[in-house]
Amino acid sequence: MSAGTVDTPSFRDRVEALPDAKNAMTSFLERQKMGRLATADEIAHLIIYLASDESAFVTGQEFIIDGGWSI
């Protein structure tokens, strides 16, 4: 599973530590194809599926959850 940038407390702390945090966050969000970051829940749904019996026939795949960044 390859995730794009996820909106977490750690990510927010790193951005807020920058000299111009507000503009840095605005600039970062403008570069996101969907205009926002992923949430932890959005990533967790795939992980839960892959860990479940429902994914028993899934093998050797890379799942990209990046809001269109890699397109």
C-alpha atoms as a PDB file:
ATOM      1  CA  MET A   1       0.000   0.000   0.000  1.00  0.00           C
ATOM      2  CA  SER A   2       1.442   3.343  -1.044  1.00  0.00           C
ATOM      3  CA  ALA A   3      -0.217   6.309   0.581  1.00  0.00           C
ATOM      4  CA  GLY A   4       0.093   9.935  -0.330  1.00  0.00           C
ATOM      5  CA  THR A   5       0.448  12.559   2.361  1.00  0.00           C
ATOM      6  CA  VAL A   6      -1.855  11.889   5.293  1.00  0.00           C
ATOM      7  CA  ASP A   7      -3.153  14.646   7.546  1.00  0.00           C
ATOM      8  CA  THR A   8      -1.759  13.590  10.909  1.00  0.00           C
ATOM      9  CA  PRO A   9      -0.615  15.461  14.018  1.00  0.00           C
ATOM     10  CA  SER A  10       2.982  14.681  13.028  1.00  0.00           C
ATOM     11  CA  PHE A  11       2.514  16.204   9.569  1.00  0.00           C
ATOM     12  CA  ARG A  12       0.853  19.299  11.050  1.00  0.00           C
ATOM     13  CA  ASP A  13       3.698  19.695  13.576  1.00  0.00           C
ATOM     14  CA  ARG A  14       6.299  19.617  10.787  1.00  0.00           C
ATOM     15  CA  VAL A  15       4.428  22.216   8.743  1.00  0.00           C
ATOM     16  CA  GLU A  16       3.848  24.447  11.767  1.00  0.00           C
ATOM     17  CA  ALA A  17       7.587  24.370  12.493  1.00  0.00           C
ATOM     18  CA  LEU A  18       8.303  26.071   9.155  1.00  0.00           C
ATOM     19  CA  PRO A  19       8.984  29.831   9.158  1.00  0.00           C
ATOM     20  CA  ASP A  20       5.840  30.656   7.142  1.00  0.00           C
ATOM     21  CA  ALA A  21       3.572  27.778   8.133  1.00  0.00           C
ATOM     22  CA  LYS A  22       0.323  29.236   6.793  1.00  0.00           C
ATOM     23  CA  ASN A  23       1.688  29.844   3.301  1.00  0.00           C
ATOM     24  CA  ALA A  24       3.532  26.520   3.351  1.00  0.00           C
ATOM     25  CA  MET A  25       0.299  24.644   4.065  1.00  0.00           C
ATOM     26  CA  THR A  26      -1.617  26.623   1.431  1.00  0.00           C
ATOM     27  CA  SER A  27       1.069  25.921  -1.148  1.00  0.00           C
ATOM     28  CA  PHE A  28       1.170  22.250  -0.246  1.00  0.00           C
ATOM     29  CA  LEU A  29      -2.619  21.861  -0.526  1.00  0.00           C
ATOM     30  CA  GLU A  30      -2.685  23.665  -3.878  1.00  0.00           C
ATOM     31  CA  ARG A  31      -0.378  20.968  -5.272  1.00  0.00           C
ATOM     32  CA  GLN A  32      -2.739  18.172  -4.222  1.00  0.00           C
ATOM     33  CA  LYS A  33      -4.929  17.007  -7.102  1.00  0.00           C
ATOM     34  CA  MET A  34      -7.963  16.701  -4.805  1.00  0.00           C
ATOM     35  CA  GLY A  35      -7.159  19.921  -2.947  1.00  0.00           C
ATOM     36  CA  ARG A  36      -6.750  18.183   0.396  1.00  0.00           C
ATOM     37  CA  LEU A  37      -4.725  15.572   2.236  1.00  0.00           C
ATOM     38  CA  ALA A  38      -5.807  12.023   2.933  1.00  0.00           C
ATOM     39  CA  THR A  39      -7.286  11.178   6.307  1.00  0.00           C
ATOM     40  CA  ALA A  40      -6.021   8.302   8.411  1.00  0.00           C
ATOM     41  CA  ASP A  41      -9.468   6.697   8.130  1.00  0.00           C
ATOM     42  CA  GLU A  42      -9.264   6.689   4.331  1.00  0.00           C
ATOM     43  CA  ILE A  43      -5.997   4.771   4.495  1.00  0.00           C
ATOM     44  CA  ALA A  44      -7.215   2.471   7.273  1.00  0.00           C
ATOM     45  CA  HIS A  45     -10.185   1.233   5.235  1.00  0.00           C
ATOM     46  CA  LEU A  46      -7.877  -0.385   2.683  1.00  0.00           C
ATOM     47  CA  ILE A  47      -5.649  -1.867   5.372  1.00  0.00           C
ATOM     48  CA  ILE A  48      -8.664  -3.370   7.143  1.00  0.00           C
ATOM     49  CA  TYR A  49      -9.892  -4.846   3.866  1.00  0.00           C
ATOM     50  CA  LEU A  50      -6.488  -6.340   3.043  1.00  0.00           C
ATOM     51  CA  ALA A  51      -6.241  -7.848   6.530  1.00  0.00           C
ATOM     52  CA  SER A  52      -9.680  -9.428   6.222  1.00  0.00           C
ATOM     53  CA  ASP A  53     -10.798 -12.712   4.707  1.00  0.00           C
ATOM     54  CA  GLU A  54     -12.613 -10.699   2.029  1.00  0.00           C
ATOM     55  CA  SER A  55      -9.273 -10.022   0.341  1.00  0.00           C
ATOM     56  CA  ALA A  56      -8.243 -13.701   0.247  1.00  0.00           C
ATOM     57  CA  PHE A  57      -7.910 -13.691  -3.553  1.00  0.00           C
ATOM     58  CA  VAL A  58      -5.803 -10.498  -3.668  1.00  0.00           C
ATOM     59  CA  THR A  59      -2.117 -11.229  -4.174  1.00  0.00           C
ATOM     60  CA  GLY A  60       0.973  -9.230  -5.040  1.00  0.00           C
ATOM     61  CA  GLN A  61      -0.696  -5.891  -5.661  1.00  0.00           C
ATOM     62  CA  GLU A  62       0.364  -2.341  -4.976  1.00  0.00           C
ATOM     63  CA  PHE A  63      -2.535  -0.149  -3.934  1.00  0.00           C
ATOM     64  CA  ILE A  64      -1.913   3.554  -4.367  1.00  0.00           C
ATOM     65  CA  ILE A  65      -4.007   5.896  -2.234  1.00  0.00           C
ATOM     66  CA  ASP A  66      -2.697   9.334  -3.102  1.00  0.00           C
ATOM     67  CA  GLY A  67      -5.706  11.354  -4.222  1.00  0.00           C
ATOM     68  CA  GLY A  68      -4.571  11.305  -7.842  1.00  0.00           C
ATOM     69  CA  TRP A  69      -1.025  12.524  -7.197  1.00  0.00           C
ATOM     70  CA  SER A  70       0.547   9.681  -9.207  1.00  0.00           C
ATOM     71  CA  ILE A  71      -1.733  10.069 -12.236  1.00  0.00           C
END
